[in-house]
Structures are given as C-alpha cells and as structure tokens.
C-alpha cells in the first residue's frame, strides 16, 4: 500500500512539474503583458492570463501524459538502481517539453492548424 501511495505522489509531483513547464512555455511564447491594467485594457489582462493558464495547462498535460508513459514503460526498468534517476527523469521531461514545443510551433505557425 505504501509503495503505491509513494508512486502516486511521485507522479503527482512530476505532473505538477509538467504543468509548470507548460505554463512557462506559454509565458515565453506570449511574452510579457505590457498593457495598462485600467479601463478596457483590463479585459486584455484577463484574456492574457486565461490563455496563459488554459493553453499552458493543456500543453503541460500533454507533456505529463507523455512523460508518465515513457517512465512506466521504459525509464522505470532502466533506472531501477541508478543514483541519478531523478536527474535523468528531469532531463527526459525537458526533452519531451522541447518536442511538444516544436510540434506546437509547427502546428501553429507552419501548418496553421491551431
């Protein structure tokens, strides 16, 4: 029972890191919000923050699903007795984030699907 609970908590931590990476990616993509926050520009702030969190969370969820699949089917077996397992998992998550970012860029800018 404790092993399952530990595994669930570990994956929840990796999901939180994935969601944070997705939001950071969207922040880099959208850039800073330089509009004044008074008057009608307040709506721009609301839409900016909504887009940042909504799309960033969706991209982060895709990263989390891909990372969990990679971890369950490949990394868990390879890193059973490795002392640098957390570092390797984090680097694989960064690699997945890069691939998802490139795919998002190609779909949005090159193919114009999104």
PDB file of N, CA and C in Angstrom:
ATOM      1  N   UNK A   1       0.807  -1.193   0.000  1.00  0.00           N
ATOM      2  CA  UNK A   1       0.000   0.000   0.000  1.00  0.00           C
ATOM      3  C   UNK A   1       0.858   1.268   0.000  1.00  0.00           C
ATOM      4  N   UNK A   2       1.907   1.274   0.815  1.00  0.00           N
ATOM      5  CA  UNK A   2       2.782   2.446   0.887  1.00  0.00           C
ATOM      6  C   UNK A   2       3.553   2.645  -0.412  1.00  0.00           C
ATOM      7  N   UNK A   3       3.890   1.538  -1.072  1.00  0.00           N
ATOM      8  CA  UNK A   3       4.616   1.652  -2.337  1.00  0.00           C
ATOM      9  C   UNK A   3       3.736   2.305  -3.404  1.00  0.00           C
ATOM     10  N   UNK A   4       2.467   1.934  -3.433  1.00  0.00           N
ATOM     11  CA  UNK A   4       1.534   2.524  -4.393  1.00  0.00           C
ATOM     12  C   UNK A   4       1.314   4.003  -4.082  1.00  0.00           C
ATOM     13  N   UNK A   5       1.166   4.336  -2.807  1.00  0.00           N
ATOM     14  CA  UNK A   5       0.983   5.729  -2.410  1.00  0.00           C
ATOM     15  C   UNK A   5       2.210   6.568  -2.765  1.00  0.00           C
ATOM     16  N   UNK A   6       3.390   6.003  -2.544  1.00  0.00           N
ATOM     17  CA  UNK A   6       4.626   6.711  -2.898  1.00  0.00           C
ATOM     18  C   UNK A   6       4.700   6.938  -4.407  1.00  0.00           C
ATOM     19  N   UNK A   7       4.319   5.941  -5.181  1.00  0.00           N
ATOM     20  CA  UNK A   7       4.343   6.064  -6.644  1.00  0.00           C
ATOM     21  C   UNK A   7       3.347   7.120  -7.124  1.00  0.00           C
ATOM     22  N   UNK A   8       2.157   7.138  -6.541  1.00  0.00           N
ATOM     23  CA  UNK A   8       1.144   8.128  -6.920  1.00  0.00           C
ATOM     24  C   UNK A   8       1.619   9.535  -6.573  1.00  0.00           C
ATOM     25  N   UNK A   9       2.194   9.721  -5.395  1.00  0.00           N
ATOM     26  CA  UNK A   9       2.699  11.037  -5.004  1.00  0.00           C
ATOM     27  C   UNK A   9       3.862  11.475  -5.886  1.00  0.00           C
ATOM     28  N   UNK A  10       4.700  10.533  -6.272  1.00  0.00           N
ATOM     29  CA  UNK A  10       5.810  10.860  -7.171  1.00  0.00           C
ATOM     30  C   UNK A  10       5.286  11.316  -8.524  1.00  0.00           C
ATOM     31  N   UNK A  11       4.308  10.612  -9.057  1.00  0.00           N
ATOM     32  CA  UNK A  11       3.751  11.019 -10.346  1.00  0.00           C
ATOM     33  C   UNK A  11       2.984  12.338 -10.238  1.00  0.00           C
ATOM     34  N   UNK A  12       2.345  12.600  -9.107  1.00  0.00           N
ATOM     35  CA  UNK A  12       1.690  13.899  -8.917  1.00  0.00           C
ATOM     36  C   UNK A  12       2.715  15.032  -8.922  1.00  0.00           C
ATOM     37  N   UNK A  13       3.873  14.786  -8.342  1.00  0.00           N
ATOM     38  CA  UNK A  13       4.942  15.783  -8.372  1.00  0.00           C
ATOM     39  C   UNK A  13       5.433  16.014  -9.800  1.00  0.00           C
ATOM     40  N   UNK A  14       5.605  14.937 -10.567  1.00  0.00           N
ATOM     41  CA  UNK A  14       6.049  15.088 -11.959  1.00  0.00           C
ATOM     42  C   UNK A  14       4.975  15.761 -12.809  1.00  0.00           C
ATOM     43  N   UNK A  15       3.707  15.507 -12.514  1.00  0.00           N
ATOM     44  CA  UNK A  15       2.619  16.186 -13.231  1.00  0.00           C
ATOM     45  C   UNK A  15       2.650  17.677 -12.930  1.00  0.00           C
ATOM     46  N   UNK A  16       2.888  18.038 -11.671  1.00  0.00           N
ATOM     47  CA  UNK A  16       2.978  19.461 -11.312  1.00  0.00           C
ATOM     48  C   UNK A  16       4.144  20.134 -12.030  1.00  0.00           C
ATOM     49  N   UNK A  17       5.276  19.438 -12.128  1.00  0.00           N
ATOM     50  CA  UNK A  17       6.426  19.993 -12.854  1.00  0.00           C
ATOM     51  C   UNK A  17       6.089  20.146 -14.332  1.00  0.00           C
ATOM     52  N   UNK A  18       5.381  19.178 -14.902  1.00  0.00           N
ATOM     53  CA  UNK A  18       4.987  19.258 -16.313  1.00  0.00           C
ATOM     54  C   UNK A  18       4.044  20.430 -16.564  1.00  0.00           C
ATOM     55  N   UNK A  19       3.071  20.615 -15.691  1.00  0.00           N
ATOM     56  CA  UNK A  19       2.150  21.744 -15.842  1.00  0.00           C
ATOM     57  C   UNK A  19       2.890  23.070 -15.723  1.00  0.00           C
ATOM     58  N   UNK A  20       3.834  23.146 -14.806  1.00  0.00           N
ATOM     59  CA  UNK A  20       4.633  24.362 -14.658  1.00  0.00           C
ATOM     60  C   UNK A  20       5.467  24.623 -15.907  1.00  0.00           C
ATOM     61  N   UNK A  21       6.036  23.567 -16.483  1.00  0.00           N
ATOM     62  CA  UNK A  21       6.794  23.733 -17.729  1.00  0.00           C
ATOM     63  C   UNK A  21       5.894  24.201 -18.873  1.00  0.00           C
ATOM     64  N   UNK A  22       4.660  23.696 -18.931  1.00  0.00           N
ATOM     65  CA  UNK A  22       3.723  24.143 -19.961  1.00  0.00           C
ATOM     66  C   UNK A  22       3.366  25.609 -19.818  1.00  0.00           C
ATOM     67  N   UNK A  23       3.165  26.060 -18.591  1.00  0.00           N
ATOM     68  CA  UNK A  23       2.841  27.472 -18.361  1.00  0.00           C
ATOM     69  C   UNK A  23       4.048  28.349 -18.655  1.00  0.00           C
ATOM     70  N   UNK A  24       5.245  27.886 -18.301  1.00  0.00           N
ATOM     71  CA  UNK A  24       6.463  28.644 -18.623  1.00  0.00           C
ATOM     72  C   UNK A  24       6.643  28.740 -20.130  1.00  0.00           C
ATOM     73  N   UNK A  25       6.358  27.646 -20.840  1.00  0.00           N
ATOM     74  CA  UNK A  25       6.458  27.670 -22.302  1.00  0.00           C
ATOM     75  C   UNK A  25       5.506  28.710 -22.897  1.00  0.00           C
ATOM     76  N   UNK A  26       4.273  28.748 -22.400  1.00  0.00           N
ATOM     77  CA  UNK A  26       3.319  29.731 -22.911  1.00  0.00           C
ATOM     78  C   UNK A  26       3.729  31.150 -22.545  1.00  0.00           C
ATOM     79  N   UNK A  27       4.326  31.340 -21.394  1.00  0.00           N
ATOM     80  CA  UNK A  27       4.806  32.675 -20.999  1.00  0.00           C
ATOM     81  C   UNK A  27       5.913  33.133 -21.939  1.00  0.00           C
ATOM     82  N   UNK A  28       6.802  32.216 -22.309  1.00  0.00           N
ATOM     83  CA  UNK A  28       7.860  32.553 -23.267  1.00  0.00           C
ATOM     84  C   UNK A  28       7.249  32.855 -24.628  1.00  0.00           C
ATOM     85  N   UNK A  29       6.262  32.069 -25.025  1.00  0.00           N
ATOM     86  CA  UNK A  29       5.639  32.243 -26.332  1.00  0.00           C
ATOM     87  C   UNK A  29       4.831  33.539 -26.411  1.00  0.00           C
ATOM     88  N   UNK A  30       4.071  33.865 -25.375  1.00  0.00           N
ATOM     89  CA  UNK A  30       3.232  35.061 -25.396  1.00  0.00           C
ATOM     90  C   UNK A  30       4.003  36.333 -25.080  1.00  0.00           C
ATOM     91  N   UNK A  31       5.069  36.234 -24.322  1.00  0.00           N
ATOM     92  CA  UNK A  31       5.836  37.416 -23.949  1.00  0.00           C
ATOM     93  C   UNK A  31       5.197  38.136 -22.782  1.00  0.00           C
ATOM     94  N   UNK A  32       5.803  39.241 -22.369  1.00  0.00           N
ATOM     95  CA  UNK A  32       5.269  39.967 -21.207  1.00  0.00           C
ATOM     96  C   UNK A  32       3.986  40.720 -21.547  1.00  0.00           C
ATOM     97  N   UNK A  33       3.209  40.979 -20.533  1.00  0.00           N
ATOM     98  CA  UNK A  33       1.949  41.703 -20.673  1.00  0.00           C
ATOM     99  C   UNK A  33       2.214  43.163 -20.310  1.00  0.00           C
ATOM    100  N   UNK A  34       2.454  44.008 -21.309  1.00  0.00           N
ATOM    101  CA  UNK A  34       2.836  45.397 -21.075  1.00  0.00           C
ATOM    102  C   UNK A  34       1.678  46.384 -21.135  1.00  0.00           C
ATOM    103  N   UNK A  35       0.479  45.935 -21.367  1.00  0.00           N
ATOM    104  CA  UNK A  35      -0.662  46.849 -21.479  1.00  0.00           C
ATOM    105  C   UNK A  35      -1.055  47.357 -20.094  1.00  0.00           C
ATOM    106  N   UNK A  36      -1.546  48.596 -20.027  1.00  0.00           N
ATOM    107  CA  UNK A  36      -2.004  49.103 -18.723  1.00  0.00           C
ATOM    108  C   UNK A  36      -3.226  48.314 -18.248  1.00  0.00           C
ATOM    109  N   UNK A  37      -3.377  48.221 -16.937  1.00  0.00           N
ATOM    110  CA  UNK A  37      -4.451  47.379 -16.398  1.00  0.00           C
ATOM    111  C   UNK A  37      -5.695  48.162 -16.002  1.00  0.00           C
ATOM    112  N   UNK A  38      -5.867  49.362 -16.503  1.00  0.00           N
ATOM    113  CA  UNK A  38      -7.068  50.142 -16.210  1.00  0.00           C
ATOM    114  C   UNK A  38      -7.982  50.183 -17.429  1.00  0.00           C
ATOM    115  N   UNK A  39      -9.243  50.419 -17.169  1.00  0.00           N
ATOM    116  CA  UNK A  39     -10.211  50.609 -18.243  1.00  0.00           C
ATOM    117  C   UNK A  39     -10.462  49.339 -19.037  1.00  0.00           C
ATOM    118  N   UNK A  40     -10.593  49.518 -20.359  1.00  0.00           N
ATOM    119  CA  UNK A  40     -10.855  48.379 -21.240  1.00  0.00           C
ATOM    120  C   UNK A  40      -9.659  47.444 -21.362  1.00  0.00           C
ATOM    121  N   UNK A  41      -8.462  47.931 -21.063  1.00  0.00           N
ATOM    122  CA  UNK A  41      -7.277  47.067 -21.130  1.00  0.00           C
ATOM    123  C   UNK A  41      -7.318  45.982 -20.069  1.00  0.00           C
ATOM    124  N   UNK A  42      -8.181  46.152 -19.058  1.00  0.00           N
ATOM    125  CA  UNK A  42      -8.334  45.136 -18.026  1.00  0.00           C
ATOM    126  C   UNK A  42      -8.812  43.816 -18.639  1.00  0.00           C
ATOM    127  N   UNK A  43      -9.670  43.899 -19.653  1.00  0.00           N
ATOM    128  CA  UNK A  43     -10.116  42.690 -20.353  1.00  0.00           C
ATOM    129  C   UNK A  43      -8.956  41.989 -21.041  1.00  0.00           C
ATOM    130  N   UNK A  44      -8.030  42.782 -21.593  1.00  0.00           N
ATOM    131  CA  UNK A  44      -6.845  42.194 -22.212  1.00  0.00           C
ATOM    132  C   UNK A  44      -6.038  41.407 -21.183  1.00  0.00           C
ATOM    133  N   UNK A  45      -5.908  41.943 -19.987  1.00  0.00           N
ATOM    134  CA  UNK A  45      -5.195  41.239 -18.921  1.00  0.00           C
ATOM    135  C   UNK A  45      -5.892  39.933 -18.558  1.00  0.00           C
ATOM    136  N   UNK A  46      -7.212  39.968 -18.489  1.00  0.00           N
ATOM    137  CA  UNK A  46      -7.963  38.762 -18.146  1.00  0.00           C
ATOM    138  C   UNK A  46      -7.781  37.698 -19.225  1.00  0.00           C
ATOM    139  N   UNK A  47      -7.914  38.077 -20.498  1.00  0.00           N
ATOM    140  CA  UNK A  47      -7.747  37.115 -21.584  1.00  0.00           C
ATOM    141  C   UNK A  47      -6.317  36.604 -21.668  1.00  0.00           C
ATOM    142  N   UNK A  48      -5.344  37.470 -21.412  1.00  0.00           N
ATOM    143  CA  UNK A  48      -3.939  37.067 -21.426  1.00  0.00           C
ATOM    144  C   UNK A  48      -3.685  36.008 -20.354  1.00  0.00           C
ATOM    145  N   UNK A  49      -4.145  36.279 -19.135  1.00  0.00           N
ATOM    146  CA  UNK A  49      -3.922  35.328 -18.045  1.00  0.00           C
ATOM    147  C   UNK A  49      -4.699  34.034 -18.264  1.00  0.00           C
ATOM    148  N   UNK A  50      -5.916  34.140 -18.799  1.00  0.00           N
ATOM    149  CA  UNK A  50      -6.697  32.943 -19.088  1.00  0.00           C
ATOM    150  C   UNK A  50      -6.004  32.092 -20.148  1.00  0.00           C
ATOM    151  N   UNK A  51      -5.525  32.728 -21.209  1.00  0.00           N
ATOM    152  CA  UNK A  51      -4.817  31.993 -22.253  1.00  0.00           C
ATOM    153  C   UNK A  51      -3.533  31.380 -21.748  1.00  0.00           C
ATOM    154  N   UNK A  52      -2.831  32.122 -20.927  1.00  0.00           N
ATOM    155  CA  UNK A  52      -1.583  31.620 -20.362  1.00  0.00           C
ATOM    156  C   UNK A  52      -1.825  30.366 -19.535  1.00  0.00           C
ATOM    157  N   UNK A  53      -2.807  30.404 -18.664  1.00  0.00           N
ATOM    158  CA  UNK A  53      -3.073  29.258 -17.799  1.00  0.00           C
ATOM    159  C   UNK A  53      -3.776  28.122 -18.534  1.00  0.00           C
ATOM    160  N   UNK A  54      -4.749  28.448 -19.371  1.00  0.00           N
ATOM    161  CA  UNK A  54      -5.532  27.413 -20.041  1.00  0.00           C
ATOM    162  C   UNK A  54      -4.688  26.636 -21.054  1.00  0.00           C
ATOM    163  N   UNK A  55      -4.069  27.334 -21.973  1.00  0.00           N
ATOM    164  CA  UNK A  55      -3.273  26.655 -23.001  1.00  0.00           C
ATOM    165  C   UNK A  55      -2.008  26.070 -22.385  1.00  0.00           C
ATOM    166  N   UNK A  56      -1.411  26.781 -21.425  1.00  0.00           N
ATOM    167  CA  UNK A  56      -0.232  26.246 -20.751  1.00  0.00           C
ATOM    168  C   UNK A  56      -0.530  24.963 -20.009  1.00  0.00           C
ATOM    169  N   UNK A  57      -1.695  24.894 -19.368  1.00  0.00           N
ATOM    170  CA  UNK A  57      -2.084  23.672 -18.665  1.00  0.00           C
ATOM    171  C   UNK A  57      -2.360  22.533 -19.644  1.00  0.00           C
ATOM    172  N   UNK A  58      -2.938  22.836 -20.799  1.00  0.00           N
ATOM    173  CA  UNK A  58      -3.175  21.784 -21.796  1.00  0.00           C
ATOM    174  C   UNK A  58      -1.856  21.236 -22.331  1.00  0.00           C
ATOM    175  N   UNK A  59      -0.926  22.124 -22.638  1.00  0.00           N
ATOM    176  CA  UNK A  59       0.380  21.683 -23.129  1.00  0.00           C
ATOM    177  C   UNK A  59       1.117  20.918 -22.029  1.00  0.00           C
ATOM    178  N   UNK A  60       1.014  21.388 -20.795  1.00  0.00           N
ATOM    179  CA  UNK A  60       1.623  20.679 -19.674  1.00  0.00           C
ATOM    180  C   UNK A  60       1.013  19.313 -19.451  1.00  0.00           C
ATOM    181  N   UNK A  61      -0.306  19.174 -19.672  1.00  0.00           N
ATOM    182  CA  UNK A  61      -0.927  17.857 -19.531  1.00  0.00           C
ATOM    183  C   UNK A  61      -0.453  16.886 -20.594  1.00  0.00           C
ATOM    184  N   UNK A  62      -0.265  17.382 -21.809  1.00  0.00           N
ATOM    185  CA  UNK A  62       0.279  16.518 -22.866  1.00  0.00           C
ATOM    186  C   UNK A  62       1.680  16.061 -22.477  1.00  0.00           C
ATOM    187  N   UNK A  63       2.486  16.986 -21.967  1.00  0.00           N
ATOM    188  CA  UNK A  63       3.835  16.627 -21.516  1.00  0.00           C
ATOM    189  C   UNK A  63       3.773  15.601 -20.388  1.00  0.00           C
ATOM    190  N   UNK A  64       2.845  15.779 -19.452  1.00  0.00           N
ATOM    191  CA  UNK A  64       2.734  14.859 -18.319  1.00  0.00           C
ATOM    192  C   UNK A  64       2.350  13.456 -18.774  1.00  0.00           C
ATOM    193  N   UNK A  65       1.385  13.365 -19.685  1.00  0.00           N
ATOM    194  CA  UNK A  65       0.963  12.047 -20.182  1.00  0.00           C
ATOM    195  C   UNK A  65       2.114  11.360 -20.904  1.00  0.00           C
ATOM    196  N   UNK A  66       2.812  12.098 -21.762  1.00  0.00           N
ATOM    197  CA  UNK A  66       3.944  11.504 -22.474  1.00  0.00           C
ATOM    198  C   UNK A  66       5.052  11.086 -21.514  1.00  0.00           C
ATOM    199  N   UNK A  67       5.314  11.896 -20.499  1.00  0.00           N
ATOM    200  CA  UNK A  67       6.355  11.553 -19.532  1.00  0.00           C
ATOM    201  C   UNK A  67       5.974  10.322 -18.722  1.00  0.00           C
ATOM    202  N   UNK A  68       4.722  10.244 -18.273  1.00  0.00           N
ATOM    203  CA  UNK A  68       4.308   9.088 -17.472  1.00  0.00           C
ATOM    204  C   UNK A  68       4.369   7.815 -18.301  1.00  0.00           C
ATOM    205  N   UNK A  69       3.947   7.887 -19.564  1.00  0.00           N
ATOM    206  CA  UNK A  69       4.055   6.711 -20.432  1.00  0.00           C
ATOM    207  C   UNK A  69       5.511   6.300 -20.621  1.00  0.00           C
ATOM    208  N   UNK A  70       6.389   7.268 -20.852  1.00  0.00           N
ATOM    209  CA  UNK A  70       7.812   6.969 -21.002  1.00  0.00           C
ATOM    210  C   UNK A  70       8.379   6.388 -19.718  1.00  0.00           C
ATOM    211  N   UNK A  71       7.980   6.923 -18.586  1.00  0.00           N
ATOM    212  CA  UNK A  71       8.512   6.451 -17.314  1.00  0.00           C
ATOM    213  C   UNK A  71       8.022   5.045 -16.982  1.00  0.00           C
ATOM    214  N   UNK A  72       6.746   4.799 -17.189  1.00  0.00           N
ATOM    215  CA  UNK A  72       6.187   3.490 -16.840  1.00  0.00           C
ATOM    216  C   UNK A  72       6.743   2.394 -17.739  1.00  0.00           C
ATOM    217  N   UNK A  73       6.829   2.655 -19.033  1.00  0.00           N
ATOM    218  CA  UNK A  73       7.213   1.599 -19.961  1.00  0.00           C
ATOM    219  C   UNK A  73       8.707   1.511 -20.251  1.00  0.00           C
ATOM    220  N   UNK A  74       9.490   2.535 -19.914  1.00  0.00           N
ATOM    221  CA  UNK A  74      10.905   2.481 -20.269  1.00  0.00           C
ATOM    222  C   UNK A  74      11.828   2.873 -19.117  1.00  0.00           C
ATOM    223  N   UNK A  75      11.634   4.063 -18.570  1.00  0.00           N
ATOM    224  CA  UNK A  75      12.601   4.583 -17.605  1.00  0.00           C
ATOM    225  C   UNK A  75      12.610   3.817 -16.289  1.00  0.00           C
ATOM    226  N   UNK A  76      11.463   3.356 -15.839  1.00  0.00           N
ATOM    227  CA  UNK A  76      11.406   2.667 -14.552  1.00  0.00           C
ATOM    228  C   UNK A  76      12.275   1.408 -14.550  1.00  0.00           C
ATOM    229  N   UNK A  77      12.302   0.705 -15.673  1.00  0.00           N
ATOM    230  CA  UNK A  77      13.111  -0.507 -15.765  1.00  0.00           C
ATOM    231  C   UNK A  77      14.595  -0.184 -15.899  1.00  0.00           C
ATOM    232  N   UNK A  78      14.904   0.843 -16.660  1.00  0.00           N
ATOM    233  CA  UNK A  78      16.306   1.187 -16.909  1.00  0.00           C
ATOM    234  C   UNK A  78      16.970   1.852 -15.708  1.00  0.00           C
ATOM    235  N   UNK A  79      16.201   2.575 -14.911  1.00  0.00           N
ATOM    236  CA  UNK A  79      16.770   3.360 -13.818  1.00  0.00           C
ATOM    237  C   UNK A  79      16.495   2.751 -12.450  1.00  0.00           C
ATOM    238  N   UNK A  80      16.343   1.440 -12.390  1.00  0.00           N
ATOM    239  CA  UNK A  80      15.963   0.796 -11.138  1.00  0.00           C
ATOM    240  C   UNK A  80      16.991   1.039 -10.030  1.00  0.00           C
ATOM    241  N   UNK A  81      18.272   0.882 -10.307  1.00  0.00           N
ATOM    242  CA  UNK A  81      19.303   1.051  -9.283  1.00  0.00           C
ATOM    243  C   UNK A  81      20.258   2.178  -9.634  1.00  0.00           C
ATOM    244  N   UNK A  82      19.789   3.180 -10.351  1.00  0.00           N
ATOM    245  CA  UNK A  82      20.642   4.293 -10.763  1.00  0.00           C
ATOM    246  C   UNK A  82      20.520   5.429  -9.755  1.00  0.00           C
ATOM    247  N   UNK A  83      21.662   5.972  -9.363  1.00  0.00           N
ATOM    248  CA  UNK A  83      21.673   7.044  -8.364  1.00  0.00           C
ATOM    249  C   UNK A  83      21.238   8.379  -8.960  1.00  0.00           C
ATOM    250  N   UNK A  84      21.361   8.542 -10.260  1.00  0.00           N
ATOM    251  CA  UNK A  84      20.996   9.791 -10.926  1.00  0.00           C
ATOM    252  C   UNK A  84      19.634   9.695 -11.611  1.00  0.00           C
ATOM    253  N   UNK A  85      18.748   8.898 -11.069  1.00  0.00           N
ATOM    254  CA  UNK A  85      17.456   8.659 -11.714  1.00  0.00           C
ATOM    255  C   UNK A  85      16.615   9.931 -11.803  1.00  0.00           C
ATOM    256  N   UNK A  86      16.622  10.749 -10.769  1.00  0.00           N
ATOM    257  CA  UNK A  86      15.810  11.975 -10.785  1.00  0.00           C
ATOM    258  C   UNK A  86      16.322  12.936 -11.841  1.00  0.00           C
ATOM    259  N   UNK A  87      17.633  13.059 -11.943  1.00  0.00           N
ATOM    260  CA  UNK A  87      18.225  13.953 -12.944  1.00  0.00           C
ATOM    261  C   UNK A  87      17.908  13.472 -14.360  1.00  0.00           C
ATOM    262  N   UNK A  88      17.996  12.177 -14.583  1.00  0.00           N
ATOM    263  CA  UNK A  88      17.699  11.624 -15.906  1.00  0.00           C
ATOM    264  C   UNK A  88      16.218  11.795 -16.232  1.00  0.00           C
ATOM    265  N   UNK A  89      15.351  11.588 -15.251  1.00  0.00           N
ATOM    266  CA  UNK A  89      13.917  11.795 -15.479  1.00  0.00           C
ATOM    267  C   UNK A  89      13.616  13.256 -15.793  1.00  0.00           C
ATOM    268  N   UNK A  90      14.261  14.176 -15.067  1.00  0.00           N
ATOM    269  CA  UNK A  90      14.035  15.594 -15.331  1.00  0.00           C
ATOM    270  C   UNK A  90      14.529  15.975 -16.722  1.00  0.00           C
ATOM    271  N   UNK A  91      15.672  15.456 -17.126  1.00  0.00           N
ATOM    272  CA  UNK A  91      16.188  15.757 -18.467  1.00  0.00           C
ATOM    273  C   UNK A  91      15.282  15.148 -19.543  1.00  0.00           C
ATOM    274  N   UNK A  92      14.711  13.976 -19.281  1.00  0.00           N
ATOM    275  CA  UNK A  92      13.773  13.412 -20.251  1.00  0.00           C
ATOM    276  C   UNK A  92      12.500  14.249 -20.319  1.00  0.00           C
ATOM    277  N   UNK A  93      12.068  14.816 -19.196  1.00  0.00           N
ATOM    278  CA  UNK A  93      10.910  15.715 -19.202  1.00  0.00           C
ATOM    279  C   UNK A  93      11.215  16.988 -19.983  1.00  0.00           C
ATOM    280  N   UNK A  94      12.416  17.517 -19.847  1.00  0.00           N
ATOM    281  CA  UNK A  94      12.824  18.686 -20.630  1.00  0.00           C
ATOM    282  C   UNK A  94      12.853  18.330 -22.116  1.00  0.00           C
ATOM    283  N   UNK A  95      13.328  17.132 -22.454  1.00  0.00           N
ATOM    284  CA  UNK A  95      13.322  16.688 -23.851  1.00  0.00           C
ATOM    285  C   UNK A  95      11.912  16.574 -24.400  1.00  0.00           C
ATOM    286  N   UNK A  96      11.003  16.018 -23.606  1.00  0.00           N
ATOM    287  CA  UNK A  96       9.603  15.921 -24.024  1.00  0.00           C
ATOM    288  C   UNK A  96       9.011  17.313 -24.194  1.00  0.00           C
ATOM    289  N   UNK A  97       9.344  18.235 -23.292  1.00  0.00           N
ATOM    290  CA  UNK A  97       8.849  19.613 -23.405  1.00  0.00           C
ATOM    291  C   UNK A  97       9.353  20.265 -24.684  1.00  0.00           C
ATOM    292  N   UNK A  98      10.595  19.988 -25.048  1.00  0.00           N
ATOM    293  CA  UNK A  98      11.143  20.534 -26.289  1.00  0.00           C
ATOM    294  C   UNK A  98      10.409  19.975 -27.502  1.00  0.00           C
ATOM    295  N   UNK A  99      10.176  18.676 -27.510  1.00  0.00           N
ATOM    296  CA  UNK A  99       9.469  18.051 -28.637  1.00  0.00           C
ATOM    297  C   UNK A  99       8.040  18.589 -28.732  1.00  0.00           C
ATOM    298  N   UNK A 100       7.343  18.699 -27.608  1.00  0.00           N
ATOM    299  CA  UNK A 100       5.975  19.226 -27.612  1.00  0.00           C
ATOM    300  C   UNK A 100       5.970  20.680 -28.068  1.00  0.00           C
ATOM    301  N   UNK A 101       6.959  21.461 -27.640  1.00  0.00           N
ATOM    302  CA  UNK A 101       7.059  22.856 -28.075  1.00  0.00           C
ATOM    303  C   UNK A 101       7.289  22.980 -29.567  1.00  0.00           C
ATOM    304  N   UNK A 102       8.148  22.124 -30.120  1.00  0.00           N
ATOM    305  CA  UNK A 102       8.407  22.155 -31.564  1.00  0.00           C
ATOM    306  C   UNK A 102       7.160  21.736 -32.335  1.00  0.00           C
ATOM    307  N   UNK A 103       6.481  20.697 -31.867  1.00  0.00           N
ATOM    308  CA  UNK A 103       5.247  20.258 -32.532  1.00  0.00           C
ATOM    309  C   UNK A 103       4.189  21.356 -32.457  1.00  0.00           C
ATOM    310  N   UNK A 104       4.069  22.019 -31.319  1.00  0.00           N
ATOM    311  CA  UNK A 104       3.112  23.122 -31.186  1.00  0.00           C
ATOM    312  C   UNK A 104       3.460  24.253 -32.140  1.00  0.00           C
ATOM    313  N   UNK A 105       4.724  24.582 -32.249  1.00  0.00           N
ATOM    314  CA  UNK A 105       5.149  25.652 -33.158  1.00  0.00           C
ATOM    315  C   UNK A 105       4.845  25.291 -34.610  1.00  0.00           C
ATOM    316  N   UNK A 106       5.150  24.044 -34.999  1.00  0.00           N
ATOM    317  CA  UNK A 106       4.898  23.616 -36.381  1.00  0.00           C
ATOM    318  C   UNK A 106       3.404  23.639 -36.673  1.00  0.00           C
ATOM    319  N   UNK A 107       2.583  23.148 -35.748  1.00  0.00           N
ATOM    320  CA  UNK A 107       1.139  23.136 -35.980  1.00  0.00           C
ATOM    321  C   UNK A 107       0.545  24.537 -36.000  1.00  0.00           C
ATOM    322  N   UNK A 108       1.115  25.456 -35.211  1.00  0.00           N
ATOM    323  CA  UNK A 108       0.540  26.798 -35.138  1.00  0.00           C
ATOM    324  C   UNK A 108       1.051  27.708 -36.246  1.00  0.00           C
ATOM    325  N   UNK A 109       2.320  27.703 -36.517  1.00  0.00           N
ATOM    326  CA  UNK A 109       2.907  28.676 -37.443  1.00  0.00           C
ATOM    327  C   UNK A 109       3.101  28.130 -38.856  1.00  0.00           C
ATOM    328  N   UNK A 110       3.550  26.897 -38.980  1.00  0.00           N
ATOM    329  CA  UNK A 110       3.880  26.355 -40.301  1.00  0.00           C
ATOM    330  C   UNK A 110       2.641  25.808 -40.993  1.00  0.00           C
ATOM    331  N   UNK A 111       1.942  24.884 -40.351  1.00  0.00           N
ATOM    332  CA  UNK A 111       0.780  24.246 -40.971  1.00  0.00           C
ATOM    333  C   UNK A 111      -0.484  25.075 -40.763  1.00  0.00           C
ATOM    334  N   UNK A 112      -0.527  25.901 -39.739  1.00  0.00           N
ATOM    335  CA  UNK A 112      -1.644  26.782 -39.404  1.00  0.00           C
ATOM    336  C   UNK A 112      -2.919  25.997 -39.085  1.00  0.00           C
ATOM    337  N   UNK A 113      -2.763  24.976 -38.246  1.00  0.00           N
ATOM    338  CA  UNK A 113      -3.899  24.181 -37.812  1.00  0.00           C
ATOM    339  C   UNK A 113      -4.479  24.749 -36.521  1.00  0.00           C
ATOM    340  N   UNK A 114      -3.620  25.198 -35.641  1.00  0.00           N
ATOM    341  CA  UNK A 114      -4.056  25.717 -34.336  1.00  0.00           C
ATOM    342  C   UNK A 114      -4.346  27.193 -34.464  1.00  0.00           C
TER     343      UNK A 114
END
